[in-house]
Protein backbone atom coordinates (compact mmCIF):
# COMPACT_ATOMS: atom_id res chain seq x y z
CA THR A 1 70.84 20.88 44.38
CA TRP A 2 72.85 23.92 43.35
CA PHE A 3 72.19 25.67 46.65
CA ASP A 4 73.48 22.71 48.65
CA SER A 5 76.69 22.52 46.64
CA ALA A 6 77.27 26.26 47.06
CA GLU A 7 77.40 26.06 50.85
CA LEU A 8 80.62 25.55 52.74
CA LEU A 9 81.01 22.35 54.72
CA GLU A 10 81.73 22.39 58.44
CA ASP A 11 85.21 20.96 57.74
CA GLN A 12 85.86 23.86 55.36
CA LEU A 13 84.80 26.39 57.99
CA LEU A 14 87.26 24.88 60.46
CA LEU A 15 90.04 25.01 57.86
CA LEU A 16 89.15 28.64 57.09
CA LEU A 17 89.45 29.45 60.78
CA LYS A 18 92.90 27.82 60.83
CA SER A 19 93.83 29.81 57.73
CA LEU A 20 92.76 33.04 59.37
CA GLU A 21 94.81 32.24 62.48
CA ARG A 22 97.87 31.45 60.33
CA GLU A 23 97.33 34.59 58.21
CA ILE A 24 97.45 32.68 54.92
CA VAL A 25 94.02 33.73 53.62
CA PRO A 26 95.47 36.19 51.02
CA GLN A 27 97.56 33.42 49.44
CA GLN A 28 94.63 31.00 49.47
CA LEU A 29 92.43 33.67 47.91
CA LYS A 30 94.96 34.15 45.11
CA LEU A 31 95.04 30.38 44.53
CA VAL A 32 91.25 30.04 44.36
CA ARG A 33 90.86 33.21 42.28
CA THR A 34 93.10 31.58 39.66
CA HIS A 35 90.65 28.66 39.33
CA ILE A 36 87.59 30.85 38.97
CA THR A 37 88.91 33.57 36.69
CA LEU A 38 90.43 31.07 34.31
CA GLY A 39 87.31 28.90 34.46
CA LEU A 40 89.32 25.72 34.07
CA PHE A 41 86.75 23.13 35.02
CA GLU A 42 86.66 21.10 31.83
CA GLY A 43 89.37 18.68 32.85
CA PRO A 44 92.84 18.54 34.38
CA PHE A 45 94.65 21.89 34.56
CA ARG A 46 97.60 23.56 36.26
CA VAL A 47 97.88 26.22 38.93
CA ASP A 48 100.92 28.27 39.86
CA ALA A 49 102.81 25.86 42.13
CA SER A 50 104.27 28.85 44.03
CA LEU A 51 100.76 29.50 45.36
CA LEU A 52 100.96 26.08 47.02
CA SER A 53 104.20 27.00 48.76
CA PHE A 54 103.53 27.89 52.40
CA PRO A 55 105.86 28.55 55.34
CA ARG A 56 104.78 25.25 56.94
CA GLN A 57 103.92 21.91 55.31
CA GLU A 58 100.77 21.71 57.45
CA GLU A 59 99.46 24.92 55.84
CA GLN A 60 99.94 23.46 52.38
CA SER A 61 98.14 20.28 53.44
CA PHE A 62 95.10 21.96 54.88
CA THR A 63 94.91 24.39 51.94
CA MET A 64 94.86 21.43 49.57
CA ASP A 65 92.18 19.79 51.75
CA LEU A 66 90.14 23.01 51.77
CA VAL A 67 90.17 23.20 47.97
CA GLU A 68 89.49 19.48 47.61
CA LEU A 69 86.38 19.81 49.78
CA SER A 70 85.18 22.26 47.10
CA GLY A 71 85.70 19.69 44.37
CA VAL A 72 89.21 20.28 43.01
CA LYS A 73 92.01 17.83 43.78
CA LEU A 74 95.33 19.71 43.96
CA ARG A 75 98.77 18.15 43.82
CA GLU A 76 102.01 19.64 45.11
CA ASP A 77 103.37 20.03 41.56
CA GLY A 78 100.52 22.41 40.66
CA SER A 79 98.41 19.96 38.71
CA ALA A 80 94.72 20.02 39.51
CA VAL A 81 91.78 17.80 38.62
CA PRO A 82 88.15 18.84 39.05
CA ILE A 83 85.95 16.30 40.82
CA GLU A 84 82.46 16.36 39.29
CA GLN A 85 81.27 19.95 38.61
CA PRO A 86 82.94 22.12 41.26
CA PHE A 87 82.17 25.64 40.03
CA GLU A 88 79.49 26.54 42.61
CA ALA A 89 81.42 25.00 45.51
CA VAL A 90 84.66 26.75 44.52
CA ALA A 91 82.72 30.01 44.05
CA ALA A 92 81.38 29.70 47.62
CA LEU A 93 84.93 29.11 48.88
CA TYR A 94 86.18 32.11 46.90
CA ILE A 95 83.51 34.36 48.42
CA ALA A 96 84.36 33.16 51.95
CA LEU A 97 88.09 33.76 51.40
CA TYR A 98 87.41 37.17 49.84
CA VAL A 99 85.27 38.30 52.80
CA LEU A 100 87.76 36.94 55.36
CA ASN A 101 90.57 38.72 53.54
CA LEU A 102 88.64 42.01 53.62
CA LEU A 103 87.75 41.64 57.29
CA SER A 104 91.26 40.68 58.34
CA GLY A 105 93.03 43.22 56.15
């Protein structure tokens, strides 16, 4: 159901906690905001590859995992492919990142 797909998974919550500890939530928020505001869920699309550039490789990996758990497969070159219909799941992730960014800022 829509409600189920709009909830964050336990794995996502753990990755969000890691993101908060590493202080990379603002960059992740910018990355996810790009997906939502452009509404590019019709097929493959591109994101700004600089938003996938993190101080540590591990941060890039778990950011890509976090987004993939919401239904968008990201690649290091900035290409992205939606898996099924990810809008609600990505919207839930966006809201979580937005709130964390507010609370940590």
